[in-house]
Amino acid sequence: NQYRCASCQKIVGNQETHIDHIQPVVDPVRGFCGWDEYVQRLFVEADGFRLLCTVCHSEVTQAQREIRKANKR
């Protein structure tokens, strides 16, 4: 099977795909705000996800990590 990355539009195979929450499970700015919010953001409908290639998923994850790091200071 082949899929299109929602970010870069590259066509990738099964081994190069990641399913990503469009809205991060833990808000990168506010951090963890409680289990109720965490569960609500974790369990979303299908339209709350996007398919990303490995490269784009790594970039999104790193960007969120940097935001969290900057907001901890």
C-alpha atoms as a PDB file:
ATOM      1  CA  ASN A   1       0.000   0.000   0.000  1.00  0.00           C
ATOM      2  CA  GLN A   2       1.030   3.559  -0.597  1.00  0.00           C
ATOM      3  CA  TYR A   3      -0.119   6.692   1.185  1.00  0.00           C
ATOM      4  CA  ARG A   4       0.255  10.461   0.805  1.00  0.00           C
ATOM      5  CA  CYS A   5       1.798  12.451   3.657  1.00  0.00           C
ATOM      6  CA  ALA A   6      -0.614  15.147   4.841  1.00  0.00           C
ATOM      7  CA  SER A   7       2.277  17.571   5.292  1.00  0.00           C
ATOM      8  CA  CYS A   8       4.752  17.212   2.422  1.00  0.00           C
ATOM      9  CA  GLN A   9       2.443  15.298   0.058  1.00  0.00           C
ATOM     10  CA  LYS A  10       5.130  12.673  -0.605  1.00  0.00           C
ATOM     11  CA  ILE A  11       3.893   9.162  -1.472  1.00  0.00           C
ATOM     12  CA  VAL A  12       5.224   6.636   1.072  1.00  0.00           C
ATOM     13  CA  GLY A  13       4.819   2.949   1.896  1.00  0.00           C
ATOM     14  CA  ASN A  14       3.591   1.272   5.087  1.00  0.00           C
ATOM     15  CA  GLN A  15       7.010   1.308   6.738  1.00  0.00           C
ATOM     16  CA  GLU A  16       7.322   5.085   6.346  1.00  0.00           C
ATOM     17  CA  THR A  17       3.989   6.160   7.842  1.00  0.00           C
ATOM     18  CA  HIS A  18       2.913   7.513  11.215  1.00  0.00           C
ATOM     19  CA  ILE A  19      -0.593   8.359  12.363  1.00  0.00           C
ATOM     20  CA  ASP A  20      -0.434  11.717  14.123  1.00  0.00           C
ATOM     21  CA  HIS A  21      -2.965  13.505  16.315  1.00  0.00           C
ATOM     22  CA  ILE A  22      -3.743  16.823  14.620  1.00  0.00           C
ATOM     23  CA  GLN A  23      -4.239  18.358  18.063  1.00  0.00           C
ATOM     24  CA  PRO A  24      -1.376  17.086  20.270  1.00  0.00           C
ATOM     25  CA  VAL A  25      -2.470  14.835  23.143  1.00  0.00           C
ATOM     26  CA  VAL A  26      -0.427  16.966  25.558  1.00  0.00           C
ATOM     27  CA  ASP A  27      -0.624  20.654  24.696  1.00  0.00           C
ATOM     28  CA  PRO A  28       2.951  21.768  23.950  1.00  0.00           C
ATOM     29  CA  VAL A  29       2.347  25.224  25.451  1.00  0.00           C
ATOM     30  CA  ARG A  30       0.402  24.333  28.607  1.00  0.00           C
ATOM     31  CA  GLY A  31       1.777  20.830  29.163  1.00  0.00           C
ATOM     32  CA  PHE A  32      -0.173  18.130  30.980  1.00  0.00           C
ATOM     33  CA  CYS A  33      -3.365  19.653  32.407  1.00  0.00           C
ATOM     34  CA  GLY A  34      -5.075  16.617  33.894  1.00  0.00           C
ATOM     35  CA  TRP A  35      -6.351  13.209  32.954  1.00  0.00           C
ATOM     36  CA  ASP A  36      -9.757  14.386  31.722  1.00  0.00           C
ATOM     37  CA  GLU A  37      -8.202  16.621  29.075  1.00  0.00           C
ATOM     38  CA  TYR A  38      -5.567  14.006  28.231  1.00  0.00           C
ATOM     39  CA  VAL A  39      -8.161  11.289  27.587  1.00  0.00           C
ATOM     40  CA  GLN A  40     -10.388  13.680  25.608  1.00  0.00           C
ATOM     41  CA  ARG A  41      -7.475  14.638  23.349  1.00  0.00           C
ATOM     42  CA  LEU A  42      -6.208  11.049  23.057  1.00  0.00           C
ATOM     43  CA  PHE A  43      -9.468   9.464  21.905  1.00  0.00           C
ATOM     44  CA  VAL A  44     -10.643  11.492  18.911  1.00  0.00           C
ATOM     45  CA  GLU A  45     -12.673  10.688  15.818  1.00  0.00           C
ATOM     46  CA  ALA A  46     -10.904   9.666  12.606  1.00  0.00           C
ATOM     47  CA  ASP A  47     -10.810  13.291  11.409  1.00  0.00           C
ATOM     48  CA  GLY A  48      -8.631  14.135  14.429  1.00  0.00           C
ATOM     49  CA  PHE A  49      -5.732  12.181  12.917  1.00  0.00           C
ATOM     50  CA  ARG A  50      -3.505  12.669   9.917  1.00  0.00           C
ATOM     51  CA  LEU A  51      -1.029  10.418   8.163  1.00  0.00           C
ATOM     52  CA  LEU A  52       2.525  11.741   8.115  1.00  0.00           C
ATOM     53  CA  CYS A  53       5.699  10.327   6.626  1.00  0.00           C
ATOM     54  CA  THR A  54       8.497   9.460   9.036  1.00  0.00           C
ATOM     55  CA  VAL A  55      10.419  12.653   8.267  1.00  0.00           C
ATOM     56  CA  CYS A  56       7.445  14.990   8.770  1.00  0.00           C
ATOM     57  CA  HIS A  57       6.370  13.177  11.941  1.00  0.00           C
ATOM     58  CA  SER A  58       9.871  13.602  13.369  1.00  0.00           C
ATOM     59  CA  GLU A  59       9.810  17.309  12.501  1.00  0.00           C
ATOM     60  CA  VAL A  60       6.389  17.822  14.130  1.00  0.00           C
ATOM     61  CA  THR A  61       7.457  15.915  17.238  1.00  0.00           C
ATOM     62  CA  GLN A  62      10.698  17.894  17.521  1.00  0.00           C
ATOM     63  CA  ALA A  63       8.882  21.220  17.087  1.00  0.00           C
ATOM     64  CA  GLN A  64       6.417  20.293  19.858  1.00  0.00           C
ATOM     65  CA  ARG A  65       9.317  19.203  22.074  1.00  0.00           C
ATOM     66  CA  GLU A  66      11.021  22.587  21.547  1.00  0.00           C
ATOM     67  CA  ILE A  67       7.803  24.454  22.416  1.00  0.00           C
ATOM     68  CA  ARG A  68       7.398  22.426  25.638  1.00  0.00           C
ATOM     69  CA  LYS A  69      11.055  23.013  26.522  1.00  0.00           C
ATOM     70  CA  ALA A  70      10.752  26.787  25.944  1.00  0.00           C
ATOM     71  CA  ASN A  71       7.587  26.995  28.072  1.00  0.00           C
ATOM     72  CA  LYS A  72       9.160  25.160  31.017  1.00  0.00           C
ATOM     73  CA  ARG A  73      11.637  28.004  31.510  1.00  0.00           C
END
